[in-house]
Amino acid sequence: MKLFVTDIDDTLSVGERVSQEVEDACARLKNGGWEIMIATGRTFGTAKTHIAAASATQPAILYDGARLMSVEGKEIRSFLFDPSLAAKLVDFLWTLPAEIQIAGDEIVHCRESDVETARFYREAGMPVFYIETPVVPGPVYRMGLWLKPENLSFVESQVEAAFGDCAEVVSGGAEYVDILPKGVSKGSALEYYISTLPRRPEVVVAAGDHKNDMTLLRCADVAVIPANAAQVLLPLADVIMPKAAENGISALARHILSPDFQFFPKNHFFPENHPSGQPGKSGRPKPPVIL
């Protein structure tokens, strides 16, 4: 088994439509013997069209790792916030300069003033309910913040300082911060899924563009980032593909389907005098391949 795992936003696509070129590339990967898996901060309802467009064959990592669901939307594994922690988080987030997203079981709660949040989820056909006070309306898998890019650093640092010891705080783009139960991430979800397989895949290729993809990339034999990815990901990259607006997944598919494609198992370490040069973390050769 060869496994390709990809983030959605600014990796597989820009916005709600996967280009025909990328759809065709994913179909070629599938026909070439690759299993395809989505790993995203989105809910199933907002990811299902991307899952289909990518010809995904394996369960989807959703809610930034808090849920693992089949391509049909059946729950396989999930994590919920402790209710008391969720209540403290909502109370704290209420005063920050950001829109609040409280993600339950394929429903979202926000304030009436959180206009962009409500619009996005309603356009995806998901139920949106308003809350008027900082209360927890039910079980919570993920809390998200949508905000102006100039507020990202401040908001992320504030939440990290207050809750970093009991929750995962990670940005998923220039306008998004996600808060998850402690220990939950895309990478932990992928490692769990791999542990359920009869044997580890021959090779795992993972692609992502932002901080919430770091654990995913660390789990992969081949870590791929778009050319415009967050700079913090560069030390992890084995391959740099064109950005999503330039159909980067298409170039990546050509690369990994090529007879010249090489990879090294995650736990492989090179000798000090290996001709590839100094290995990176997990023994990866540097510099990355640029497509």
Protein backbone atom coordinates (compact mmCIF):
# COMPACT_ATOMS: atom_id res chain seq x y z
CA MET A 1 0.00 0.00 0.00
CA LYS A 2 1.20 3.49 -0.93
CA LEU A 3 -0.59 6.32 0.87
CA PHE A 4 -0.97 9.96 -0.16
CA VAL A 5 -2.43 12.27 2.51
CA THR A 6 -3.28 15.88 1.70
CA ASP A 7 -4.62 18.98 3.39
CA ILE A 8 -7.40 20.81 1.53
CA ASP A 9 -7.12 24.59 1.80
CA ASP A 10 -4.18 26.11 -0.09
CA THR A 11 -2.78 22.63 -0.72
CA LEU A 12 -5.33 20.60 -2.67
CA SER A 13 -7.37 23.64 -3.68
CA VAL A 14 -7.93 27.34 -3.22
CA GLY A 15 -11.46 27.75 -1.94
CA GLU A 16 -14.36 25.41 -2.57
CA ARG A 17 -13.49 24.00 -5.97
CA VAL A 18 -10.81 21.47 -6.80
CA SER A 19 -9.51 22.25 -10.30
CA GLN A 20 -10.06 19.72 -13.06
CA GLU A 21 -6.28 19.40 -13.45
CA VAL A 22 -5.91 18.40 -9.81
CA GLU A 23 -8.91 16.06 -9.99
CA ASP A 24 -7.30 14.33 -12.96
CA ALA A 25 -3.97 14.13 -11.12
CA CYS A 26 -5.63 12.45 -8.13
CA ALA A 27 -7.34 9.99 -10.46
CA ARG A 28 -3.94 9.15 -11.97
CA LEU A 29 -2.54 8.53 -8.51
CA LYS A 30 -5.43 6.22 -7.67
CA ASN A 31 -5.01 4.35 -10.95
CA GLY A 32 -1.28 4.16 -10.24
CA GLY A 33 -1.86 2.19 -7.06
CA TRP A 34 -1.97 5.00 -4.49
CA GLU A 35 -4.52 5.21 -1.70
CA ILE A 36 -5.66 8.81 -1.07
CA MET A 37 -6.62 10.39 2.24
CA ILE A 38 -7.78 13.90 3.20
CA ALA A 39 -6.51 15.60 6.39
CA THR A 40 -8.19 18.92 7.15
CA GLY A 41 -9.48 21.23 9.84
CA ARG A 42 -12.85 21.21 8.10
CA THR A 43 -15.94 19.30 9.14
CA PHE A 44 -17.19 16.45 6.96
CA GLY A 45 -19.95 18.64 5.57
CA THR A 46 -17.51 21.28 4.36
CA ALA A 47 -14.97 18.72 3.10
CA LYS A 48 -17.11 16.11 1.35
CA THR A 49 -16.94 17.65 -2.12
CA HIS A 50 -13.14 17.85 -1.84
CA ILE A 51 -13.00 14.24 -0.63
CA ALA A 52 -14.91 13.15 -3.71
CA ALA A 53 -12.91 15.35 -6.10
CA ALA A 54 -9.65 13.91 -4.77
CA SER A 55 -10.82 10.33 -5.39
CA ALA A 56 -10.13 9.66 -1.71
CA THR A 57 -10.25 5.99 -0.80
CA GLN A 58 -9.24 6.09 2.87
CA PRO A 59 -10.97 7.65 5.90
CA ALA A 60 -10.75 11.41 6.24
CA ILE A 61 -8.95 13.17 9.09
CA LEU A 62 -11.33 16.00 10.00
CA TYR A 63 -11.62 18.77 12.63
CA ASP A 64 -7.77 18.93 12.58
CA GLY A 65 -7.59 15.39 13.92
CA ALA A 66 -10.48 15.38 16.39
CA ARG A 67 -12.50 13.12 14.07
CA LEU A 68 -11.69 10.26 11.72
CA MET A 69 -14.58 9.48 9.37
CA SER A 70 -15.18 7.26 6.37
CA VAL A 71 -15.51 8.83 2.94
CA GLU A 72 -19.27 8.35 3.38
CA GLY A 73 -19.25 10.30 6.65
CA LYS A 74 -19.42 7.45 9.16
CA GLU A 75 -17.52 8.12 12.38
CA ILE A 76 -14.54 5.87 13.06
CA ARG A 77 -12.89 7.66 15.99
CA SER A 78 -13.32 11.01 17.72
CA PHE A 79 -12.24 13.17 20.64
CA LEU A 80 -14.36 15.63 22.60
CA PHE A 81 -13.40 18.50 24.86
CA ASP A 82 -13.93 18.03 28.58
CA PRO A 83 -17.10 20.11 29.22
CA SER A 84 -15.52 22.18 31.99
CA LEU A 85 -12.53 23.06 29.81
CA ALA A 86 -14.83 23.88 26.90
CA ALA A 87 -16.78 26.27 29.12
CA LYS A 88 -13.61 28.06 30.22
CA LEU A 89 -12.45 28.34 26.61
CA VAL A 90 -15.68 29.85 25.35
CA ASP A 91 -15.67 32.39 28.14
CA PHE A 92 -12.07 33.38 27.30
CA LEU A 93 -12.54 33.48 23.52
CA TRP A 94 -15.67 35.63 23.79
CA THR A 95 -13.68 38.83 24.34
CA LEU A 96 -10.98 38.30 21.69
CA PRO A 97 -10.99 40.18 18.34
CA ALA A 98 -12.14 37.14 16.38
CA GLU A 99 -15.22 35.25 15.23
CA ILE A 100 -15.95 32.11 17.24
CA GLN A 101 -16.72 28.67 15.79
CA ILE A 102 -17.86 25.91 18.18
CA ALA A 103 -17.91 22.68 16.20
CA GLY A 104 -20.18 19.89 17.40
CA ASP A 105 -21.35 16.83 15.52
CA GLU A 106 -21.58 18.38 12.05
CA ILE A 107 -23.18 21.51 13.47
CA VAL A 108 -21.63 24.86 14.32
CA HIS A 109 -22.51 27.43 16.96
CA CYS A 110 -21.41 31.05 16.72
CA ARG A 111 -22.65 34.54 17.57
CA GLU A 112 -24.97 36.47 15.30
CA SER A 113 -22.12 38.94 14.79
CA ASP A 114 -19.85 36.17 13.46
CA VAL A 115 -20.99 36.85 9.92
CA GLU A 116 -18.22 35.12 7.93
CA THR A 117 -18.45 31.97 10.04
CA ALA A 118 -22.21 31.69 9.56
CA ARG A 119 -21.95 32.39 5.83
CA PHE A 120 -19.25 29.77 5.22
CA TYR A 121 -21.02 26.93 7.00
CA ARG A 122 -24.47 27.76 5.67
CA GLU A 123 -23.17 27.86 2.10
CA ALA A 124 -21.79 24.37 2.72
CA GLY A 125 -25.25 23.24 3.83
CA MET A 126 -24.37 22.82 7.51
CA PRO A 127 -26.67 23.82 10.38
CA VAL A 128 -25.58 27.03 12.13
CA PHE A 129 -27.02 28.08 15.49
CA TYR A 130 -26.49 31.33 17.34
CA ILE A 131 -25.51 31.71 20.97
CA GLU A 132 -26.06 34.99 22.82
CA THR A 133 -23.90 34.33 25.87
CA PRO A 134 -20.60 32.44 26.38
CA VAL A 135 -22.08 29.02 26.95
CA VAL A 136 -21.23 25.55 25.64
CA PRO A 137 -24.27 24.38 23.67
CA GLY A 138 -23.33 20.68 23.58
CA PRO A 139 -20.45 18.27 22.93
CA VAL A 140 -17.48 20.07 21.32
CA TYR A 141 -14.86 18.50 19.04
CA ARG A 142 -13.05 21.67 17.97
CA MET A 143 -13.16 25.38 18.63
CA GLY A 144 -12.08 27.71 15.88
CA LEU A 145 -11.44 31.40 15.44
CA TRP A 146 -11.72 33.38 12.23
CA LEU A 147 -9.90 36.70 12.43
CA LYS A 148 -8.10 39.41 10.53
CA PRO A 149 -4.51 38.43 9.65
CA GLU A 150 -3.09 41.37 11.61
CA ASN A 151 -4.66 39.92 14.77
CA LEU A 152 -3.42 36.35 14.28
CA SER A 153 -0.18 36.53 16.25
CA PHE A 154 -1.77 38.33 19.19
CA VAL A 155 -4.79 36.02 19.41
CA GLU A 156 -2.79 32.82 19.00
CA SER A 157 -0.31 33.87 21.69
CA GLN A 158 -3.11 34.85 24.09
CA VAL A 159 -4.89 31.52 23.76
CA GLU A 160 -1.62 29.59 23.95
CA ALA A 161 -0.58 31.38 27.13
CA ALA A 162 -3.94 30.71 28.79
CA PHE A 163 -4.64 27.16 27.61
CA GLY A 164 -1.48 25.74 26.07
CA ASP A 165 -0.96 23.33 28.96
CA CYS A 166 -4.39 21.71 28.57
CA ALA A 167 -5.29 22.13 24.87
CA GLU A 168 -3.68 22.23 21.43
CA VAL A 169 -3.59 25.74 19.95
CA VAL A 170 -2.57 25.94 16.29
CA SER A 171 -3.09 28.28 13.36
CA GLY A 172 -4.37 26.81 10.13
CA GLY A 173 -3.81 29.82 7.89
CA ALA A 174 -3.47 33.58 8.03
CA GLU A 175 -7.05 33.92 9.29
CA TYR A 176 -7.63 30.80 11.39
CA VAL A 177 -6.74 29.50 14.84
CA ASP A 178 -7.97 26.12 16.03
CA ILE A 179 -8.15 24.86 19.61
CA LEU A 180 -8.31 21.09 20.12
CA PRO A 181 -8.26 18.60 22.98
CA LYS A 182 -4.72 17.99 24.26
CA GLY A 183 -2.77 15.53 22.13
CA VAL A 184 -5.15 15.80 19.17
CA SER A 185 -3.65 16.66 15.77
CA LYS A 186 -3.64 15.57 12.16
CA GLY A 187 -0.44 13.66 12.85
CA SER A 188 -1.83 11.75 15.83
CA ALA A 189 -4.90 10.82 13.78
CA LEU A 190 -2.73 9.55 10.92
CA GLU A 191 -0.53 7.53 13.26
CA TYR A 192 -3.64 5.99 14.82
CA TYR A 193 -5.07 5.07 11.43
CA ILE A 194 -1.81 3.53 10.28
CA SER A 195 -1.71 1.48 13.50
CA THR A 196 -5.04 -0.12 12.54
CA LEU A 197 -3.71 -1.41 9.21
CA PRO A 198 -2.34 -4.93 8.82
CA ARG A 199 1.05 -3.42 7.99
CA ARG A 200 2.50 0.05 7.63
CA PRO A 201 2.23 1.47 4.10
CA GLU A 202 5.26 1.04 1.89
CA VAL A 203 5.44 4.82 1.65
CA VAL A 204 3.45 7.72 3.11
CA VAL A 205 3.49 11.04 1.25
CA ALA A 206 1.82 13.95 3.05
CA ALA A 207 1.16 17.48 1.82
CA GLY A 208 0.21 20.56 3.83
CA ASP A 209 0.79 24.29 3.98
CA HIS A 210 0.46 25.58 7.55
CA LYS A 211 1.23 25.01 11.24
CA ASN A 212 -1.68 22.63 11.72
CA ASP A 213 0.04 20.34 9.19
CA MET A 214 3.35 20.07 11.06
CA THR A 215 2.54 16.84 12.89
CA LEU A 216 1.15 15.35 9.67
CA LEU A 217 4.34 16.12 7.76
CA ARG A 218 6.49 14.68 10.55
CA CYS A 219 4.63 11.36 10.24
CA ALA A 220 5.30 11.05 6.52
CA ASP A 221 8.16 9.41 4.67
CA VAL A 222 7.92 12.24 2.16
CA ALA A 223 6.78 15.65 3.43
CA VAL A 224 5.50 18.02 0.74
CA ILE A 225 4.70 21.72 1.03
CA PRO A 226 3.48 24.28 -1.54
CA ALA A 227 5.89 27.03 -2.56
CA ASN A 228 3.88 29.58 -0.56
CA ALA A 229 3.57 27.49 2.61
CA ALA A 230 4.28 28.90 6.05
CA GLN A 231 8.05 29.28 6.46
CA VAL A 232 8.01 27.25 9.67
CA LEU A 233 7.38 24.15 7.53
CA LEU A 234 10.45 24.53 5.35
CA PRO A 235 12.81 22.47 7.58
CA LEU A 236 10.36 19.55 7.30
CA ALA A 237 10.03 19.59 3.52
CA ASP A 238 11.36 16.83 1.30
CA VAL A 239 9.53 18.24 -1.73
CA ILE A 240 8.33 21.76 -2.56
CA MET A 241 5.56 21.79 -5.14
CA PRO A 242 3.93 24.75 -6.91
CA LYS A 243 1.26 26.55 -4.90
CA ALA A 244 -2.35 25.37 -5.01
CA ALA A 245 -3.37 28.22 -7.34
CA GLU A 246 -0.92 26.70 -9.84
CA ASN A 247 -2.26 23.16 -9.41
CA GLY A 248 0.65 22.00 -7.29
CA ILE A 249 -0.86 18.56 -6.62
CA SER A 250 -0.71 17.89 -10.37
CA ALA A 251 3.06 18.46 -10.40
CA LEU A 252 3.41 16.32 -7.28
CA ALA A 253 1.47 13.46 -8.88
CA ARG A 254 3.79 13.50 -11.88
CA HIS A 255 6.76 13.40 -9.53
CA ILE A 256 5.66 10.49 -7.35
CA LEU A 257 4.39 8.47 -10.33
CA SER A 258 7.74 8.92 -12.07
CA PRO A 259 10.11 5.94 -12.15
CA ASP A 260 12.72 8.31 -10.71
CA PHE A 261 10.71 8.91 -7.51
CA GLN A 262 12.79 8.08 -4.45
CA PHE A 263 11.88 8.00 -0.80
CA PHE A 264 13.43 6.95 2.46
CA PRO A 265 11.52 5.24 5.26
CA LYS A 266 10.67 7.54 8.14
CA ASN A 267 13.07 5.86 10.54
CA HIS A 268 15.95 5.59 8.09
CA PHE A 269 19.14 7.40 9.07
CA PHE A 270 22.02 8.07 6.72
CA PRO A 271 25.65 7.51 7.64
CA GLU A 272 27.54 10.73 8.36
CA ASN A 273 29.40 10.49 5.04
CA HIS A 274 26.31 9.78 2.93
CA PRO A 275 26.57 11.62 -0.44
CA SER A 276 23.17 13.26 0.09
CA GLY A 277 24.75 15.47 2.73
CA GLN A 278 23.69 16.09 6.28
CA PRO A 279 20.36 14.44 7.01
CA GLY A 280 17.50 16.44 8.40
CA LYS A 281 15.18 15.33 11.17
CA SER A 282 14.23 11.66 10.82
CA GLY A 283 17.20 11.24 8.49
CA ARG A 284 15.77 13.18 5.56
CA PRO A 285 18.22 14.33 2.88
CA LYS A 286 18.44 18.08 2.27
CA PRO A 287 17.82 20.30 0.39
CA PRO A 288 14.27 19.48 -0.74
CA VAL A 289 13.32 18.63 -4.30
CA ILE A 290 11.69 21.64 -5.98
CA LEU A 291 9.07 20.80 -8.61
